[in-house]
């Protein structure tokens, strides 16, 4: 178990329920394609639902303590679904933004192959010129890259990362990131669909993780020994070696 708010039984039920729902949706897609053809609106809506369920299941798998290679193996199919359901070249709402930031961050940490990563990067390009965090995740590993803007599209909590992604003192960057995780990350996500879902009686809480923090640490090569037990920090994913 990686999550600290729900127990093993909860996540077992979550993953089983979502796995079953995904199977039913896949069967429905096949039926609709056979009955109506590939361009039907009902098929598009079903693929949207498949994307949502599959994405949430992936986060829950991490929360439940599933091996990282299982999560990595689930990414190609998830990326297929998200590519199909996301609007082309459109700025989405906050949850759409968070979905692509997390997917990109997970891809970086789990060292997915460049072809697969490039497909996620293409989705994120929509935000590149409008958001400093996405700009950093996309470009900071390039030789000679320097941040050319400081706008964070959705403001808090991500603008609190400015001294981390733009800093040049590793110790201070780590301390700033620790403060972000402890003081800003969760309360800054009140507009996210999953906020406070750990209190819900229904099985909808997938886990709370600041995947972007892990990707930043991996990219910058920061010493995260002081972050290992900080809530929301995906420590073992940062240290994944494929």
Protein backbone atom coordinates (compact mmCIF):
# COMPACT_ATOMS: atom_id res chain seq x y z
CA UNK A 1 0.00 0.00 0.00
CA UNK A 2 1.17 3.49 -0.86
CA UNK A 3 -1.99 5.39 0.07
CA UNK A 4 -2.43 6.40 3.71
CA UNK A 5 -6.11 7.36 3.74
CA UNK A 6 -7.87 4.14 2.71
CA UNK A 7 -7.10 0.49 3.36
CA UNK A 8 -6.17 -2.44 1.15
CA UNK A 9 -9.74 -3.72 0.96
CA UNK A 10 -11.00 -0.40 -0.36
CA UNK A 11 -8.52 -0.35 -3.23
CA UNK A 12 -9.12 -4.02 -4.01
CA UNK A 13 -12.82 -3.20 -4.46
CA UNK A 14 -11.99 -0.05 -6.42
CA UNK A 15 -9.75 -1.81 -8.93
CA UNK A 16 -12.13 -4.76 -9.32
CA UNK A 17 -15.14 -2.47 -9.85
CA UNK A 18 -13.34 -0.31 -12.38
CA UNK A 19 -11.91 -3.35 -14.17
CA UNK A 20 -15.42 -4.74 -14.51
CA UNK A 21 -16.81 -1.41 -15.74
CA UNK A 22 -14.00 -1.12 -18.31
CA UNK A 23 -14.79 -4.60 -19.62
CA UNK A 24 -18.47 -3.72 -20.00
CA UNK A 25 -17.60 -0.50 -21.83
CA UNK A 26 -15.25 -2.35 -24.18
CA UNK A 27 -18.02 -4.82 -24.99
CA UNK A 28 -20.40 -1.92 -25.60
CA UNK A 29 -17.94 -0.28 -28.01
CA UNK A 30 -17.68 -3.48 -30.03
CA UNK A 31 -21.46 -3.77 -30.15
CA UNK A 32 -21.96 -0.15 -31.20
CA UNK A 33 -19.31 -0.36 -33.91
CA UNK A 34 -21.00 -3.47 -35.29
CA UNK A 35 -24.45 -1.87 -35.15
CA UNK A 36 -23.74 1.75 -36.13
CA UNK A 37 -20.25 2.08 -37.58
CA UNK A 38 -17.11 3.74 -36.23
CA UNK A 39 -18.24 7.39 -36.50
CA UNK A 40 -21.26 7.15 -34.21
CA UNK A 41 -21.56 9.71 -31.39
CA UNK A 42 -22.45 6.98 -28.91
CA UNK A 43 -19.13 5.28 -29.64
CA UNK A 44 -17.25 8.52 -29.00
CA UNK A 45 -19.05 8.96 -25.67
CA UNK A 46 -18.24 5.39 -24.67
CA UNK A 47 -14.57 5.90 -25.48
CA UNK A 48 -14.64 9.02 -23.30
CA UNK A 49 -15.96 6.93 -20.41
CA UNK A 50 -13.35 4.25 -21.07
CA UNK A 51 -10.65 6.90 -20.86
CA UNK A 52 -11.94 8.23 -17.53
CA UNK A 53 -12.29 4.80 -15.94
CA UNK A 54 -8.91 3.59 -17.20
CA UNK A 55 -7.12 6.73 -16.01
CA UNK A 56 -8.70 6.53 -12.56
CA UNK A 57 -7.87 2.83 -12.32
CA UNK A 58 -4.21 3.57 -13.09
CA UNK A 59 -4.01 6.10 -10.23
CA UNK A 60 -5.72 3.62 -7.89
CA UNK A 61 -3.25 0.91 -8.89
CA UNK A 62 -0.42 3.15 -7.74
CA UNK A 63 -2.24 3.97 -4.49
CA UNK A 64 -2.84 0.27 -3.85
CA UNK A 65 0.85 -0.54 -4.08
CA UNK A 66 0.81 -2.38 -7.39
CA UNK A 67 4.28 -2.96 -8.88
CA UNK A 68 5.52 -0.10 -11.01
CA UNK A 69 6.01 -2.35 -14.04
CA UNK A 70 2.24 -3.11 -14.00
CA UNK A 71 1.48 0.60 -14.06
CA UNK A 72 3.97 1.13 -16.87
CA UNK A 73 2.48 -1.75 -18.86
CA UNK A 74 -0.98 -0.15 -18.59
CA UNK A 75 0.17 3.15 -20.11
CA UNK A 76 0.11 2.34 -23.86
CA UNK A 77 -3.56 1.38 -23.84
CA UNK A 78 -4.44 4.36 -21.64
CA UNK A 79 -2.60 6.73 -23.96
CA UNK A 80 -4.52 5.28 -26.92
CA UNK A 81 -7.80 6.03 -25.14
CA UNK A 82 -6.85 9.53 -24.01
CA UNK A 83 -5.62 10.46 -27.49
CA UNK A 84 -8.95 9.40 -28.90
CA UNK A 85 -11.06 11.26 -26.36
CA UNK A 86 -9.16 14.54 -25.95
CA UNK A 87 -10.09 17.54 -28.12
CA UNK A 88 -7.43 18.38 -30.71
CA UNK A 89 -5.46 21.56 -29.97
CA UNK A 90 -7.99 22.70 -27.40
CA UNK A 91 -7.37 24.13 -23.94
CA UNK A 92 -9.43 22.00 -21.62
CA UNK A 93 -10.72 22.61 -18.12
CA UNK A 94 -8.64 22.11 -14.98
CA UNK A 95 -9.19 18.35 -14.86
CA UNK A 96 -8.17 18.01 -18.53
CA UNK A 97 -5.00 19.95 -17.78
CA UNK A 98 -4.21 17.87 -14.71
CA UNK A 99 -4.76 14.65 -16.64
CA UNK A 100 -2.13 15.52 -19.23
CA UNK A 101 0.33 16.91 -16.64
CA UNK A 102 0.07 13.72 -14.58
CA UNK A 103 0.30 11.48 -17.62
CA UNK A 104 3.40 13.31 -18.83
CA UNK A 105 4.93 13.22 -15.34
CA UNK A 106 4.27 9.49 -14.93
CA UNK A 107 5.76 8.84 -18.36
CA UNK A 108 8.92 10.73 -17.41
CA UNK A 109 9.30 8.93 -14.08
CA UNK A 110 8.64 5.47 -15.51
CA UNK A 111 11.00 6.12 -18.41
CA UNK A 112 8.55 5.08 -21.11
CA UNK A 113 9.99 4.75 -24.60
CA UNK A 114 10.45 7.91 -26.63
CA UNK A 115 7.79 7.03 -29.20
CA UNK A 116 5.13 6.65 -26.52
CA UNK A 117 6.37 9.70 -24.60
CA UNK A 118 6.24 11.81 -27.76
CA UNK A 119 2.53 11.06 -28.07
CA UNK A 120 1.93 12.38 -24.55
CA UNK A 121 4.13 15.38 -25.29
CA UNK A 122 1.99 16.13 -28.33
CA UNK A 123 -1.09 16.32 -26.08
CA UNK A 124 0.76 18.62 -23.68
CA UNK A 125 1.96 20.95 -26.46
CA UNK A 126 -1.42 22.69 -26.30
CA UNK A 127 -0.35 24.20 -22.97
CA UNK A 128 3.34 24.76 -23.70
CA UNK A 129 3.22 28.48 -24.46
CA UNK A 130 0.68 29.24 -21.75
CA UNK A 131 1.96 27.27 -18.78
CA UNK A 132 5.42 27.31 -17.21
CA UNK A 133 5.03 23.87 -15.62
CA UNK A 134 4.21 22.16 -18.92
CA UNK A 135 7.00 24.12 -20.61
CA UNK A 136 9.42 22.79 -17.99
CA UNK A 137 8.21 19.18 -18.28
CA UNK A 138 8.46 19.29 -22.07
CA UNK A 139 11.70 21.17 -22.58
CA UNK A 140 13.94 21.39 -19.51
CA UNK A 141 15.97 18.30 -20.43
CA UNK A 142 17.08 19.94 -23.67
CA UNK A 143 20.59 21.36 -23.70
CA UNK A 144 20.64 25.10 -23.17
CA UNK A 145 16.95 25.37 -22.28
CA UNK A 146 15.92 28.38 -20.21
CA UNK A 147 12.40 29.25 -19.04
CA UNK A 148 10.99 31.98 -21.26
CA UNK A 149 7.82 32.75 -19.32
CA UNK A 150 6.51 32.45 -15.78
CA UNK A 151 2.76 32.11 -16.30
CA UNK A 152 1.00 29.20 -14.64
CA UNK A 153 -2.26 28.73 -16.50
CA UNK A 154 -4.34 27.71 -13.49
CA UNK A 155 -2.48 29.66 -10.81
CA UNK A 156 -2.43 27.89 -7.47
CA UNK A 157 -1.00 25.56 -6.47
CA UNK A 158 1.39 25.35 -9.42
CA UNK A 159 2.75 28.88 -9.34
CA UNK A 160 4.31 27.90 -6.01
CA UNK A 161 6.65 25.71 -8.09
CA UNK A 162 8.29 28.73 -9.76
CA UNK A 163 11.33 28.83 -7.41
CA UNK A 164 11.73 25.06 -7.85
CA UNK A 165 11.70 24.88 -11.65
CA UNK A 166 13.56 28.18 -12.09
CA UNK A 167 16.01 27.80 -9.20
CA UNK A 168 19.73 27.07 -9.24
CA UNK A 169 20.31 25.93 -5.64
CA UNK A 170 19.41 22.23 -5.29
CA UNK A 171 19.07 22.33 -1.52
CA UNK A 172 16.73 25.32 -1.63
CA UNK A 173 14.77 23.81 -4.52
CA UNK A 174 14.17 20.66 -2.49
CA UNK A 175 13.08 22.68 0.55
CA UNK A 176 10.69 24.73 -1.60
CA UNK A 177 9.24 21.56 -3.08
CA UNK A 178 8.76 20.09 0.39
CA UNK A 179 6.89 23.24 1.45
CA UNK A 180 4.75 23.03 -1.71
CA UNK A 181 3.78 19.44 -0.93
CA UNK A 182 3.05 20.05 2.75
CA UNK A 183 1.35 23.44 2.53
CA UNK A 184 0.05 24.14 -0.96
CA UNK A 185 -0.56 21.12 -3.15
CA UNK A 186 -3.72 19.61 -1.68
CA UNK A 187 -5.54 22.79 -0.66
CA UNK A 188 -4.65 24.29 -4.04
CA UNK A 189 -6.54 21.50 -5.80
CA UNK A 190 -10.02 22.36 -4.55
CA UNK A 191 -11.16 22.68 -8.17
CA UNK A 192 -10.08 19.12 -9.04
CA UNK A 193 -12.86 16.54 -9.38
CA UNK A 194 -11.19 14.26 -6.83
CA UNK A 195 -10.80 16.83 -4.04
CA UNK A 196 -12.12 15.49 -0.70
CA UNK A 197 -13.30 12.23 -2.31
CA UNK A 198 -11.59 10.21 0.45
CA UNK A 199 -14.57 11.19 2.64
CA UNK A 200 -17.10 9.82 0.15
CA UNK A 201 -19.01 6.62 0.91
CA UNK A 202 -18.92 5.62 -2.76
CA UNK A 203 -15.81 4.04 -4.24
CA UNK A 204 -14.54 7.04 -6.19
CA UNK A 205 -11.35 8.09 -4.37
CA UNK A 206 -8.31 7.04 -6.46
CA UNK A 207 -5.58 8.48 -4.25
CA UNK A 208 -3.86 11.85 -3.98
CA UNK A 209 -0.47 12.15 -5.69
CA UNK A 210 1.62 15.09 -6.83
CA UNK A 211 3.12 13.32 -9.83
CA UNK A 212 4.46 16.59 -11.21
CA UNK A 213 6.65 16.94 -8.09
CA UNK A 214 8.21 13.56 -8.77
CA UNK A 215 8.88 14.40 -12.41
CA UNK A 216 10.54 17.69 -11.42
CA UNK A 217 12.85 15.87 -9.00
CA UNK A 218 13.74 13.24 -11.59
CA UNK A 219 14.48 15.84 -14.27
CA UNK A 220 16.58 18.04 -11.97
CA UNK A 221 18.29 15.15 -10.19
CA UNK A 222 17.48 16.60 -6.77
CA UNK A 223 18.24 14.73 -3.55
CA UNK A 224 14.76 13.76 -2.39
CA UNK A 225 15.74 11.81 0.73
CA UNK A 226 13.90 14.41 2.84
CA UNK A 227 10.77 13.99 0.72
CA UNK A 228 10.40 10.22 1.09
CA UNK A 229 7.71 10.36 3.78
CA UNK A 230 6.07 13.62 2.71
CA UNK A 231 2.39 13.12 1.81
CA UNK A 232 1.49 13.07 -1.90
CA UNK A 233 5.09 12.53 -3.05
CA UNK A 234 5.53 9.44 -5.32
CA UNK A 235 8.98 8.53 -4.00
CA UNK A 236 9.37 5.05 -5.46
CA UNK A 237 8.16 6.15 -8.89
CA UNK A 238 10.87 8.83 -8.97
CA UNK A 239 13.47 6.12 -8.39
CA UNK A 240 12.15 3.67 -10.97
CA UNK A 241 14.79 2.12 -13.20
CA UNK A 242 13.50 0.23 -16.21
